[in-house]
């Protein structure tokens, strides 16, 4: 697992999420994004999907008025559907959950079950 830059898809986990979005049927992409946001909001303990939630929020933010496009070097290659506006509130809540977590993004040694 690695992180190579500061963008929302510049880590292995988020890049894998982008691949999952590409592999999903167009009508299923919103559900994948909604699911990762809701699971992050509702998470207890370590935020194991925080990287995916940040990536999902970036895709949603890109569709907001004045939103900047996401650098898609490692993001989804296929176009995303137009997301319903209620996803903005979920993205905001998920990001607030991540930012308020005392441990921040889940440390890699704990996330994948390999506690050292």
PDB file of N, CA and C in Angstrom:
ATOM      1  N   UNK A   1       0.846  -1.166   0.000  1.00  0.00           N
ATOM      2  CA  UNK A   1       0.000   0.000   0.000  1.00  0.00           C
ATOM      3  C   UNK A   1       0.887   1.223   0.000  1.00  0.00           C
ATOM      4  N   UNK A   2       0.525   2.197  -0.803  1.00  0.00           N
ATOM      5  CA  UNK A   2       1.369   3.367  -0.849  1.00  0.00           C
ATOM      6  C   UNK A   2       0.609   4.628  -1.185  1.00  0.00           C
ATOM      7  N   UNK A   3       1.244   5.718  -0.852  1.00  0.00           N
ATOM      8  CA  UNK A   3       0.767   7.052  -1.191  1.00  0.00           C
ATOM      9  C   UNK A   3       1.905   7.729  -1.921  1.00  0.00           C
ATOM     10  N   UNK A   4       1.617   8.347  -3.046  1.00  0.00           N
ATOM     11  CA  UNK A   4       2.691   8.943  -3.825  1.00  0.00           C
ATOM     12  C   UNK A   4       2.521  10.440  -4.038  1.00  0.00           C
ATOM     13  N   UNK A   5       1.393  11.017  -3.652  1.00  0.00           N
ATOM     14  CA  UNK A   5       1.200  12.453  -3.795  1.00  0.00           C
ATOM     15  C   UNK A   5       0.034  12.860  -2.908  1.00  0.00           C
ATOM     16  N   UNK A   6      -0.441  14.088  -3.037  1.00  0.00           N
ATOM     17  CA  UNK A   6      -1.460  14.601  -2.130  1.00  0.00           C
ATOM     18  C   UNK A   6      -2.853  14.675  -2.736  1.00  0.00           C
ATOM     19  N   UNK A   7      -3.027  14.249  -3.966  1.00  0.00           N
ATOM     20  CA  UNK A   7      -4.338  14.302  -4.599  1.00  0.00           C
ATOM     21  C   UNK A   7      -5.279  13.246  -4.049  1.00  0.00           C
ATOM     22  N   UNK A   8      -6.576  13.394  -4.318  1.00  0.00           N
ATOM     23  CA  UNK A   8      -7.558  12.466  -3.749  1.00  0.00           C
ATOM     24  C   UNK A   8      -7.444  11.027  -4.252  1.00  0.00           C
ATOM     25  N   UNK A   9      -6.787  10.824  -5.374  1.00  0.00           N
ATOM     26  CA  UNK A   9      -6.607   9.468  -5.906  1.00  0.00           C
ATOM     27  C   UNK A   9      -5.151   9.036  -5.902  1.00  0.00           C
ATOM     28  N   UNK A  10      -4.308   9.755  -5.178  1.00  0.00           N
ATOM     29  CA  UNK A  10      -2.872   9.490  -5.182  1.00  0.00           C
ATOM     30  C   UNK A  10      -2.434   8.535  -4.075  1.00  0.00           C
ATOM     31  N   UNK A  11      -3.203   7.473  -3.901  1.00  0.00           N
ATOM     32  CA  UNK A  11      -2.822   6.399  -2.998  1.00  0.00           C
ATOM     33  C   UNK A  11      -3.448   5.112  -3.530  1.00  0.00           C
ATOM     34  N   UNK A  12      -2.900   3.994  -3.145  1.00  0.00           N
ATOM     35  CA  UNK A  12      -3.353   2.709  -3.685  1.00  0.00           C
ATOM     36  C   UNK A  12      -4.838   2.449  -3.437  1.00  0.00           C
ATOM     37  N   UNK A  13      -5.304   2.791  -2.239  1.00  0.00           N
ATOM     38  CA  UNK A  13      -6.687   2.501  -1.880  1.00  0.00           C
ATOM     39  C   UNK A  13      -7.654   3.297  -2.740  1.00  0.00           C
ATOM     40  N   UNK A  14      -7.394   4.588  -2.896  1.00  0.00           N
ATOM     41  CA  UNK A  14      -8.265   5.429  -3.714  1.00  0.00           C
ATOM     42  C   UNK A  14      -8.166   5.059  -5.194  1.00  0.00           C
ATOM     43  N   UNK A  15      -6.976   4.682  -5.641  1.00  0.00           N
ATOM     44  CA  UNK A  15      -6.826   4.255  -7.037  1.00  0.00           C
ATOM     45  C   UNK A  15      -7.612   2.964  -7.282  1.00  0.00           C
ATOM     46  N   UNK A  16      -7.626   2.064  -6.299  1.00  0.00           N
ATOM     47  CA  UNK A  16      -8.448   0.851  -6.414  1.00  0.00           C
ATOM     48  C   UNK A  16      -9.939   1.204  -6.457  1.00  0.00           C
ATOM     49  N   UNK A  17     -10.338   2.210  -5.683  1.00  0.00           N
ATOM     50  CA  UNK A  17     -11.725   2.680  -5.702  1.00  0.00           C
ATOM     51  C   UNK A  17     -12.066   3.229  -7.088  1.00  0.00           C
ATOM     52  N   UNK A  18     -11.138   3.958  -7.691  1.00  0.00           N
ATOM     53  CA  UNK A  18     -11.354   4.468  -9.054  1.00  0.00           C
ATOM     54  C   UNK A  18     -11.554   3.308 -10.028  1.00  0.00           C
ATOM     55  N   UNK A  19     -10.767   2.259  -9.874  1.00  0.00           N
ATOM     56  CA  UNK A  19     -10.931   1.082 -10.739  1.00  0.00           C
ATOM     57  C   UNK A  19     -12.293   0.431 -10.525  1.00  0.00           C
ATOM     58  N   UNK A  20     -12.747   0.378  -9.268  1.00  0.00           N
ATOM     59  CA  UNK A  20     -14.071  -0.185  -8.986  1.00  0.00           C
ATOM     60  C   UNK A  20     -15.162   0.652  -9.637  1.00  0.00           C
ATOM     61  N   UNK A  21     -15.001   1.961  -9.624  1.00  0.00           N
ATOM     62  CA  UNK A  21     -15.971   2.831 -10.291  1.00  0.00           C
ATOM     63  C   UNK A  21     -15.962   2.591 -11.797  1.00  0.00           C
ATOM     64  N   UNK A  22     -14.776   2.429 -12.371  1.00  0.00           N
ATOM     65  CA  UNK A  22     -14.674   2.148 -13.806  1.00  0.00           C
ATOM     66  C   UNK A  22     -15.310   0.814 -14.162  1.00  0.00           C
ATOM     67  N   UNK A  23     -15.151  -0.183 -13.295  1.00  0.00           N
ATOM     68  CA  UNK A  23     -15.684  -1.521 -13.558  1.00  0.00           C
ATOM     69  C   UNK A  23     -17.191  -1.606 -13.359  1.00  0.00           C
ATOM     70  N   UNK A  24     -17.741  -0.678 -12.586  1.00  0.00           N
ATOM     71  CA  UNK A  24     -19.178  -0.710 -12.281  1.00  0.00           C
ATOM     72  C   UNK A  24     -19.991  -0.203 -13.474  1.00  0.00           C
ATOM     73  N   UNK A  25     -21.199  -0.704 -13.566  1.00  0.00           N
ATOM     74  CA  UNK A  25     -22.135  -0.183 -14.564  1.00  0.00           C
ATOM     75  C   UNK A  25     -22.395   1.288 -14.248  1.00  0.00           C
ATOM     76  N   UNK A  26     -22.641   2.111 -15.253  1.00  0.00           N
ATOM     77  CA  UNK A  26     -22.844   3.541 -15.001  1.00  0.00           C
ATOM     78  C   UNK A  26     -23.888   3.834 -13.930  1.00  0.00           C
ATOM     79  N   UNK A  27     -24.969   3.088 -13.925  1.00  0.00           N
ATOM     80  CA  UNK A  27     -26.034   3.353 -12.951  1.00  0.00           C
ATOM     81  C   UNK A  27     -25.651   2.913 -11.530  1.00  0.00           C
ATOM     82  N   UNK A  28     -24.582   2.140 -11.369  1.00  0.00           N
ATOM     83  CA  UNK A  28     -24.156   1.665 -10.052  1.00  0.00           C
ATOM     84  C   UNK A  28     -23.107   2.568  -9.406  1.00  0.00           C
ATOM     85  N   UNK A  29     -22.557   3.490 -10.155  1.00  0.00           N
ATOM     86  CA  UNK A  29     -21.471   4.331  -9.627  1.00  0.00           C
ATOM     87  C   UNK A  29     -21.931   5.219  -8.487  1.00  0.00           C
ATOM     88  N   UNK A  30     -23.113   5.795  -8.620  1.00  0.00           N
ATOM     89  CA  UNK A  30     -23.630   6.633  -7.542  1.00  0.00           C
ATOM     90  C   UNK A  30     -23.773   5.815  -6.259  1.00  0.00           C
ATOM     91  N   UNK A  31     -24.264   4.605  -6.365  1.00  0.00           N
ATOM     92  CA  UNK A  31     -24.443   3.751  -5.184  1.00  0.00           C
ATOM     93  C   UNK A  31     -23.103   3.431  -4.521  1.00  0.00           C
ATOM     94  N   UNK A  32     -22.063   3.204  -5.303  1.00  0.00           N
ATOM     95  CA  UNK A  32     -20.734   2.955  -4.725  1.00  0.00           C
ATOM     96  C   UNK A  32     -20.251   4.168  -3.938  1.00  0.00           C
ATOM     97  N   UNK A  33     -20.429   5.338  -4.515  1.00  0.00           N
ATOM     98  CA  UNK A  33     -19.997   6.570  -3.856  1.00  0.00           C
ATOM     99  C   UNK A  33     -20.834   6.831  -2.604  1.00  0.00           C
ATOM    100  N   UNK A  34     -22.135   6.695  -2.726  1.00  0.00           N
ATOM    101  CA  UNK A  34     -23.031   6.902  -1.585  1.00  0.00           C
ATOM    102  C   UNK A  34     -22.680   5.925  -0.452  1.00  0.00           C
ATOM    103  N   UNK A  35     -22.428   4.684  -0.810  1.00  0.00           N
ATOM    104  CA  UNK A  35     -22.115   3.672   0.189  1.00  0.00           C
ATOM    105  C   UNK A  35     -20.860   3.979   0.971  1.00  0.00           C
ATOM    106  N   UNK A  36     -19.802   4.366   0.299  1.00  0.00           N
ATOM    107  CA  UNK A  36     -18.547   4.645   1.003  1.00  0.00           C
ATOM    108  C   UNK A  36     -18.700   5.876   1.896  1.00  0.00           C
ATOM    109  N   UNK A  37     -19.478   6.857   1.473  1.00  0.00           N
ATOM    110  CA  UNK A  37     -19.697   8.033   2.309  1.00  0.00           C
ATOM    111  C   UNK A  37     -20.492   7.673   3.560  1.00  0.00           C
ATOM    112  N   UNK A  38     -21.557   6.918   3.397  1.00  0.00           N
ATOM    113  CA  UNK A  38     -22.396   6.538   4.532  1.00  0.00           C
ATOM    114  C   UNK A  38     -21.620   5.653   5.506  1.00  0.00           C
ATOM    115  N   UNK A  39     -20.858   4.704   4.972  1.00  0.00           N
ATOM    116  CA  UNK A  39     -20.079   3.833   5.871  1.00  0.00           C
ATOM    117  C   UNK A  39     -19.028   4.632   6.644  1.00  0.00           C
ATOM    118  N   UNK A  40     -18.473   5.663   6.033  1.00  0.00           N
ATOM    119  CA  UNK A  40     -17.494   6.500   6.727  1.00  0.00           C
ATOM    120  C   UNK A  40     -18.176   7.325   7.812  1.00  0.00           C
ATOM    121  N   UNK A  41     -19.328   7.876   7.506  1.00  0.00           N
ATOM    122  CA  UNK A  41     -20.074   8.660   8.493  1.00  0.00           C
ATOM    123  C   UNK A  41     -20.446   7.786   9.687  1.00  0.00           C
ATOM    124  N   UNK A  42     -20.888   6.571   9.424  1.00  0.00           N
ATOM    125  CA  UNK A  42     -21.375   5.672  10.474  1.00  0.00           C
ATOM    126  C   UNK A  42     -20.283   4.846  11.146  1.00  0.00           C
ATOM    127  N   UNK A  43     -19.055   4.958  10.693  1.00  0.00           N
ATOM    128  CA  UNK A  43     -17.973   4.107  11.199  1.00  0.00           C
ATOM    129  C   UNK A  43     -17.713   4.349  12.677  1.00  0.00           C
ATOM    130  N   UNK A  44     -17.372   3.260  13.341  1.00  0.00           N
ATOM    131  CA  UNK A  44     -16.877   3.336  14.710  1.00  0.00           C
ATOM    132  C   UNK A  44     -15.461   2.772  14.673  1.00  0.00           C
ATOM    133  N   UNK A  45     -14.616   3.289  15.493  1.00  0.00           N
ATOM    134  CA  UNK A  45     -13.229   2.828  15.465  1.00  0.00           C
ATOM    135  C   UNK A  45     -12.488   3.446  14.292  1.00  0.00           C
ATOM    136  N   UNK A  46     -11.556   2.695  13.763  1.00  0.00           N
ATOM    137  CA  UNK A  46     -10.737   3.201  12.661  1.00  0.00           C
ATOM    138  C   UNK A  46     -11.565   3.390  11.399  1.00  0.00           C
ATOM    139  N   UNK A  47     -11.254   4.439  10.684  1.00  0.00           N
ATOM    140  CA  UNK A  47     -11.962   4.771   9.446  1.00  0.00           C
ATOM    141  C   UNK A  47     -11.290   4.047   8.281  1.00  0.00           C
ATOM    142  N   UNK A  48     -11.676   2.819   8.059  1.00  0.00           N
ATOM    143  CA  UNK A  48     -10.998   1.992   7.067  1.00  0.00           C
ATOM    144  C   UNK A  48     -11.268   2.415   5.636  1.00  0.00           C
ATOM    145  N   UNK A  49     -12.313   3.226   5.397  1.00  0.00           N
ATOM    146  CA  UNK A  49     -12.616   3.659   4.032  1.00  0.00           C
ATOM    147  C   UNK A  49     -12.419   5.166   3.840  1.00  0.00           C
ATOM    148  N   UNK A  50     -11.614   5.775   4.686  1.00  0.00           N
ATOM    149  CA  UNK A  50     -11.421   7.219   4.624  1.00  0.00           C
ATOM    150  C   UNK A  50     -10.827   7.661   3.287  1.00  0.00           C
ATOM    151  N   UNK A  51      -9.868   6.914   2.767  1.00  0.00           N
ATOM    152  CA  UNK A  51      -9.250   7.306   1.495  1.00  0.00           C
ATOM    153  C   UNK A  51     -10.272   7.296   0.356  1.00  0.00           C
ATOM    154  N   UNK A  52     -11.141   6.285   0.360  1.00  0.00           N
ATOM    155  CA  UNK A  52     -12.181   6.206  -0.663  1.00  0.00           C
ATOM    156  C   UNK A  52     -13.195   7.340  -0.495  1.00  0.00           C
ATOM    157  N   UNK A  53     -13.513   7.677   0.754  1.00  0.00           N
ATOM    158  CA  UNK A  53     -14.470   8.755   1.012  1.00  0.00           C
ATOM    159  C   UNK A  53     -13.918  10.099   0.540  1.00  0.00           C
ATOM    160  N   UNK A  54     -12.634  10.335   0.750  1.00  0.00           N
ATOM    161  CA  UNK A  54     -12.008  11.572   0.264  1.00  0.00           C
ATOM    162  C   UNK A  54     -12.067  11.622  -1.266  1.00  0.00           C
ATOM    163  N   UNK A  55     -11.776  10.511  -1.904  1.00  0.00           N
ATOM    164  CA  UNK A  55     -11.843  10.453  -3.371  1.00  0.00           C
ATOM    165  C   UNK A  55     -13.268  10.684  -3.864  1.00  0.00           C
ATOM    166  N   UNK A  56     -14.239  10.049  -3.205  1.00  0.00           N
ATOM    167  CA  UNK A  56     -15.644  10.228  -3.584  1.00  0.00           C
ATOM    168  C   UNK A  56     -16.057  11.691  -3.426  1.00  0.00           C
ATOM    169  N   UNK A  57     -15.644  12.310  -2.321  1.00  0.00           N
ATOM    170  CA  UNK A  57     -15.977  13.717  -2.087  1.00  0.00           C
ATOM    171  C   UNK A  57     -15.373  14.617  -3.154  1.00  0.00           C
ATOM    172  N   UNK A  58     -14.172  14.285  -3.612  1.00  0.00           N
ATOM    173  CA  UNK A  58     -13.538  15.080  -4.671  1.00  0.00           C
ATOM    174  C   UNK A  58     -14.335  14.998  -5.972  1.00  0.00           C
ATOM    175  N   UNK A  59     -14.849  13.814  -6.284  1.00  0.00           N
ATOM    176  CA  UNK A  59     -15.661  13.667  -7.497  1.00  0.00           C
ATOM    177  C   UNK A  59     -16.949  14.478  -7.383  1.00  0.00           C
ATOM    178  N   UNK A  60     -17.539  14.486  -6.201  1.00  0.00           N
ATOM    179  CA  UNK A  60     -18.767  15.256  -5.983  1.00  0.00           C
ATOM    180  C   UNK A  60     -18.460  16.748  -6.054  1.00  0.00           C
ATOM    181  N   UNK A  61     -17.392  17.183  -5.402  1.00  0.00           N
ATOM    182  CA  UNK A  61     -17.020  18.608  -5.396  1.00  0.00           C
ATOM    183  C   UNK A  61     -16.747  19.122  -6.802  1.00  0.00           C
ATOM    184  N   UNK A  62     -16.209  18.269  -7.650  1.00  0.00           N
ATOM    185  CA  UNK A  62     -15.923  18.687  -9.027  1.00  0.00           C
ATOM    186  C   UNK A  62     -17.186  19.063  -9.781  1.00  0.00           C
ATOM    187  N   UNK A  63     -18.329  18.528  -9.351  1.00  0.00           N
ATOM    188  CA  UNK A  63     -19.591  18.820 -10.027  1.00  0.00           C
ATOM    189  C   UNK A  63     -20.341  20.001  -9.411  1.00  0.00           C
ATOM    190  N   UNK A  64     -19.832  20.556  -8.324  1.00  0.00           N
ATOM    191  CA  UNK A  64     -20.465  21.728  -7.708  1.00  0.00           C
ATOM    192  C   UNK A  64     -20.184  22.960  -8.564  1.00  0.00           C
ATOM    193  N   UNK A  65     -21.064  23.953  -8.504  1.00  0.00           N
ATOM    194  CA  UNK A  65     -20.785  25.196  -9.232  1.00  0.00           C
ATOM    195  C   UNK A  65     -19.425  25.753  -8.824  1.00  0.00           C
ATOM    196  N   UNK A  66     -18.584  25.996  -9.785  1.00  0.00           N
ATOM    197  CA  UNK A  66     -17.234  26.487  -9.532  1.00  0.00           C
ATOM    198  C   UNK A  66     -16.258  25.413  -9.100  1.00  0.00           C
ATOM    199  N   UNK A  67     -16.716  24.165  -9.068  1.00  0.00           N
ATOM    200  CA  UNK A  67     -15.843  23.066  -8.661  1.00  0.00           C
ATOM    201  C   UNK A  67     -14.731  22.837  -9.659  1.00  0.00           C
ATOM    202  N   UNK A  68     -13.576  22.480  -9.135  1.00  0.00           N
ATOM    203  CA  UNK A  68     -12.435  22.216 -10.001  1.00  0.00           C
ATOM    204  C   UNK A  68     -12.406  20.747 -10.391  1.00  0.00           C
ATOM    205  N   UNK A  69     -12.086  20.457 -11.636  1.00  0.00           N
ATOM    206  CA  UNK A  69     -12.003  19.051 -12.053  1.00  0.00           C
ATOM    207  C   UNK A  69     -10.936  18.308 -11.258  1.00  0.00           C
ATOM    208  N   UNK A  70     -11.185  17.040 -11.050  1.00  0.00           N
ATOM    209  CA  UNK A  70     -10.232  16.185 -10.355  1.00  0.00           C
ATOM    210  C   UNK A  70      -9.189  15.729 -11.357  1.00  0.00           C
ATOM    211  N   UNK A  71      -7.911  15.799 -10.956  1.00  0.00           N
ATOM    212  CA  UNK A  71      -6.846  15.271 -11.806  1.00  0.00           C
ATOM    213  C   UNK A  71      -7.060  13.771 -11.905  1.00  0.00           C
ATOM    214  N   UNK A  72      -7.326  13.305 -13.086  1.00  0.00           N
ATOM    215  CA  UNK A  72      -7.708  11.916 -13.259  1.00  0.00           C
ATOM    216  C   UNK A  72      -6.550  11.000 -13.646  1.00  0.00           C
ATOM    217  N   UNK A  73      -5.328  11.366 -13.298  1.00  0.00           N
ATOM    218  CA  UNK A  73      -4.204  10.483 -13.597  1.00  0.00           C
ATOM    219  C   UNK A  73      -4.431   9.099 -13.007  1.00  0.00           C
ATOM    220  N   UNK A  74      -4.948   9.057 -11.785  1.00  0.00           N
ATOM    221  CA  UNK A  74      -5.215   7.791 -11.118  1.00  0.00           C
ATOM    222  C   UNK A  74      -6.688   7.624 -10.779  1.00  0.00           C
ATOM    223  N   UNK A  75      -7.494   8.614 -11.102  1.00  0.00           N
ATOM    224  CA  UNK A  75      -8.924   8.560 -10.840  1.00  0.00           C
ATOM    225  C   UNK A  75      -9.650   7.745 -11.896  1.00  0.00           C
ATOM    226  N   UNK A  76     -10.966   7.734 -11.817  1.00  0.00           N
ATOM    227  CA  UNK A  76     -11.747   6.967 -12.796  1.00  0.00           C
ATOM    228  C   UNK A  76     -11.499   7.457 -14.224  1.00  0.00           C
ATOM    229  N   UNK A  77     -11.417   6.519 -15.137  1.00  0.00           N
ATOM    230  CA  UNK A  77     -11.227   6.864 -16.542  1.00  0.00           C
ATOM    231  C   UNK A  77     -12.553   7.135 -17.240  1.00  0.00           C
ATOM    232  N   UNK A  78     -13.616   6.551 -16.725  1.00  0.00           N
ATOM    233  CA  UNK A  78     -14.928   6.729 -17.334  1.00  0.00           C
ATOM    234  C   UNK A  78     -15.618   7.944 -16.729  1.00  0.00           C
ATOM    235  N   UNK A  79     -16.444   8.617 -17.514  1.00  0.00           N
ATOM    236  CA  UNK A  79     -17.154   9.784 -16.982  1.00  0.00           C
ATOM    237  C   UNK A  79     -18.114   9.374 -15.866  1.00  0.00           C
ATOM    238  N   UNK A  80     -18.197  10.211 -14.875  1.00  0.00           N
ATOM    239  CA  UNK A  80     -19.122   9.969 -13.768  1.00  0.00           C
ATOM    240  C   UNK A  80     -20.494  10.536 -14.143  1.00  0.00           C
ATOM    241  N   UNK A  81     -21.538   9.933 -13.612  1.00  0.00           N
ATOM    242  CA  UNK A  81     -22.870  10.483 -13.846  1.00  0.00           C
ATOM    243  C   UNK A  81     -23.013  11.810 -13.098  1.00  0.00           C
ATOM    244  N   UNK A  82     -24.022  12.564 -13.427  1.00  0.00           N
ATOM    245  CA  UNK A  82     -24.323  13.758 -12.651  1.00  0.00           C
ATOM    246  C   UNK A  82     -24.901  13.282 -11.318  1.00  0.00           C
ATOM    247  N   UNK A  83     -24.258  13.673 -10.245  1.00  0.00           N
ATOM    248  CA  UNK A  83     -24.660  13.213  -8.928  1.00  0.00           C
ATOM    249  C   UNK A  83     -25.794  14.069  -8.385  1.00  0.00           C
ATOM    250  N   UNK A  84     -26.726  13.444  -7.651  1.00  0.00           N
ATOM    251  CA  UNK A  84     -27.790  14.228  -7.027  1.00  0.00           C
ATOM    252  C   UNK A  84     -27.196  15.146  -5.952  1.00  0.00           C
ATOM    253  N   UNK A  85     -27.848  16.271  -5.728  1.00  0.00           N
ATOM    254  CA  UNK A  85     -27.294  17.266  -4.812  1.00  0.00           C
ATOM    255  C   UNK A  85     -27.218  16.771  -3.367  1.00  0.00           C
ATOM    256  N   UNK A  86     -28.009  15.758  -2.986  1.00  0.00           N
ATOM    257  CA  UNK A  86     -27.938  15.268  -1.604  1.00  0.00           C
ATOM    258  C   UNK A  86     -26.594  14.615  -1.291  1.00  0.00           C
ATOM    259  N   UNK A  87     -25.853  14.207  -2.321  1.00  0.00           N
ATOM    260  CA  UNK A  87     -24.524  13.629  -2.063  1.00  0.00           C
ATOM    261  C   UNK A  87     -23.550  14.677  -1.529  1.00  0.00           C
ATOM    262  N   UNK A  88     -23.803  15.958  -1.825  1.00  0.00           N
ATOM    263  CA  UNK A  88     -22.920  17.006  -1.309  1.00  0.00           C
ATOM    264  C   UNK A  88     -22.938  17.024   0.214  1.00  0.00           C
ATOM    265  N   UNK A  89     -24.125  16.906   0.786  1.00  0.00           N
ATOM    266  CA  UNK A  89     -24.235  16.905   2.250  1.00  0.00           C
ATOM    267  C   UNK A  89     -23.554  15.670   2.841  1.00  0.00           C
ATOM    268  N   UNK A  90     -23.722  14.512   2.191  1.00  0.00           N
ATOM    269  CA  UNK A  90     -23.059  13.298   2.675  1.00  0.00           C
ATOM    270  C   UNK A  90     -21.542  13.438   2.585  1.00  0.00           C
ATOM    271  N   UNK A  91     -21.051  14.000   1.490  1.00  0.00           N
ATOM    272  CA  UNK A  91     -19.607  14.194   1.339  1.00  0.00           C
ATOM    273  C   UNK A  91     -19.081  15.130   2.413  1.00  0.00           C
ATOM    274  N   UNK A  92     -19.817  16.205   2.666  1.00  0.00           N
ATOM    275  CA  UNK A  92     -19.420  17.153   3.702  1.00  0.00           C
ATOM    276  C   UNK A  92     -19.375  16.479   5.065  1.00  0.00           C
ATOM    277  N   UNK A  93     -20.385  15.676   5.366  1.00  0.00           N
ATOM    278  CA  UNK A  93     -20.437  14.980   6.651  1.00  0.00           C
ATOM    279  C   UNK A  93     -19.313  13.946   6.772  1.00  0.00           C
ATOM    280  N   UNK A  94     -19.035  13.230   5.696  1.00  0.00           N
ATOM    281  CA  UNK A  94     -17.955  12.238   5.725  1.00  0.00           C
ATOM    282  C   UNK A  94     -16.601  12.917   5.927  1.00  0.00           C
ATOM    283  N   UNK A  95     -16.372  14.024   5.240  1.00  0.00           N
ATOM    284  CA  UNK A  95     -15.106  14.739   5.413  1.00  0.00           C
ATOM    285  C   UNK A  95     -14.981  15.303   6.825  1.00  0.00           C
ATOM    286  N   UNK A  96     -16.094  15.791   7.379  1.00  0.00           N
ATOM    287  CA  UNK A  96     -16.061  16.286   8.756  1.00  0.00           C
ATOM    288  C   UNK A  96     -15.752  15.143   9.719  1.00  0.00           C
ATOM    289  N   UNK A  97     -16.297  13.973   9.452  1.00  0.00           N
ATOM    290  CA  UNK A  97     -16.027  12.790  10.295  1.00  0.00           C
ATOM    291  C   UNK A  97     -14.547  12.427  10.238  1.00  0.00           C
ATOM    292  N   UNK A  98     -13.981  12.457   9.055  1.00  0.00           N
ATOM    293  CA  UNK A  98     -12.560  12.139   8.889  1.00  0.00           C
ATOM    294  C   UNK A  98     -11.700  13.185   9.594  1.00  0.00           C
ATOM    295  N   UNK A  99     -12.031  14.456   9.394  1.00  0.00           N
ATOM    296  CA  UNK A  99     -11.238  15.538   9.977  1.00  0.00           C
ATOM    297  C   UNK A  99     -11.326  15.550  11.501  1.00  0.00           C
ATOM    298  N   UNK A 100     -12.452  15.123  12.055  1.00  0.00           N
ATOM    299  CA  UNK A 100     -12.618  15.159  13.503  1.00  0.00           C
ATOM    300  C   UNK A 100     -12.100  13.910  14.201  1.00  0.00           C
ATOM    301  N   UNK A 101     -11.756  12.888  13.442  1.00  0.00           N
ATOM    302  CA  UNK A 101     -11.269  11.652  14.038  1.00  0.00           C
ATOM    303  C   UNK A 101      -9.886  11.902  14.627  1.00  0.00           C
ATOM    304  N   UNK A 102      -9.696  11.533  15.892  1.00  0.00           N
ATOM    305  CA  UNK A 102      -8.421  11.817  16.550  1.00  0.00           C
ATOM    306  C   UNK A 102      -7.244  11.103  15.897  1.00  0.00           C
ATOM    307  N   UNK A 103      -7.502   9.997  15.206  1.00  0.00           N
ATOM    308  CA  UNK A 103      -6.425   9.282  14.541  1.00  0.00           C
ATOM    309  C   UNK A 103      -6.246   9.711  13.088  1.00  0.00           C
ATOM    310  N   UNK A 104      -7.146  10.558  12.575  1.00  0.00           N
ATOM    311  CA  UNK A 104      -7.057  10.976  11.186  1.00  0.00           C
ATOM    312  C   UNK A 104      -7.317   9.799  10.271  1.00  0.00           C
ATOM    313  N   UNK A 105      -6.697   9.799   9.132  1.00  0.00           N
ATOM    314  CA  UNK A 105      -6.840   8.669   8.220  1.00  0.00           C
ATOM    315  C   UNK A 105      -6.259   7.436   8.889  1.00  0.00           C
ATOM    316  N   UNK A 106      -6.868   6.330   8.650  1.00  0.00           N
ATOM    317  CA  UNK A 106      -6.492   5.067   9.278  1.00  0.00           C
ATOM    318  C   UNK A 106      -5.041   4.709   8.958  1.00  0.00           C
ATOM    319  N   UNK A 107      -4.218   4.468   9.985  1.00  0.00           N
ATOM    320  CA  UNK A 107      -2.843   4.036   9.708  1.00  0.00           C
ATOM    321  C   UNK A 107      -2.849   2.694   8.977  1.00  0.00           C
ATOM    322  N   UNK A 108      -2.025   2.586   7.979  1.00  0.00           N
ATOM    323  CA  UNK A 108      -2.025   1.387   7.144  1.00  0.00           C
ATOM    324  C   UNK A 108      -1.749   0.119   7.931  1.00  0.00           C
ATOM    325  N   UNK A 109      -0.950   0.191   8.979  1.00  0.00           N
ATOM    326  CA  UNK A 109      -0.644  -1.020   9.736  1.00  0.00           C
ATOM    327  C   UNK A 109      -1.856  -1.531  10.497  1.00  0.00           C
ATOM    328  N   UNK A 110      -2.852  -0.681  10.732  1.00  0.00           N
ATOM    329  CA  UNK A 110      -4.050  -1.094  11.456  1.00  0.00           C
ATOM    330  C   UNK A 110      -5.192  -1.400  10.498  1.00  0.00           C
ATOM    331  N   UNK A 111      -5.251  -0.732   9.385  1.00  0.00           N
ATOM    332  CA  UNK A 111      -6.399  -0.834   8.476  1.00  0.00           C
ATOM    333  C   UNK A 111      -6.601  -2.236   7.914  1.00  0.00           C
ATOM    334  N   UNK A 112      -5.573  -2.874   7.572  1.00  0.00           N
ATOM    335  CA  UNK A 112      -5.686  -4.118   6.822  1.00  0.00           C
ATOM    336  C   UNK A 112      -5.489  -5.338   7.721  1.00  0.00           C
ATOM    337  N   UNK A 113      -5.626  -5.147   9.029  1.00  0.00           N
ATOM    338  CA  UNK A 113      -5.576  -6.286   9.925  1.00  0.00           C
ATOM    339  C   UNK A 113      -4.188  -6.731  10.298  1.00  0.00           C
ATOM    340  N   UNK A 114      -3.170  -5.961   9.976  1.00  0.00           N
ATOM    341  CA  UNK A 114      -1.818  -6.372  10.307  1.00  0.00           C
ATOM    342  C   UNK A 114      -1.262  -5.459  11.405  1.00  0.00           C
ATOM    343  N   UNK A 115      -1.847  -5.548  12.579  1.00  0.00           N
ATOM    344  CA  UNK A 115      -1.438  -4.709  13.692  1.00  0.00           C
ATOM    345  C   UNK A 115      -0.018  -5.085  14.103  1.00  0.00           C
ATOM    346  N   UNK A 116       0.823  -4.076  14.253  1.00  0.00           N
ATOM    347  CA  UNK A 116       2.208  -4.328  14.677  1.00  0.00           C
ATOM    348  C   UNK A 116       2.418  -3.877  16.093  1.00  0.00           C
TER     349      UNK A 116
END
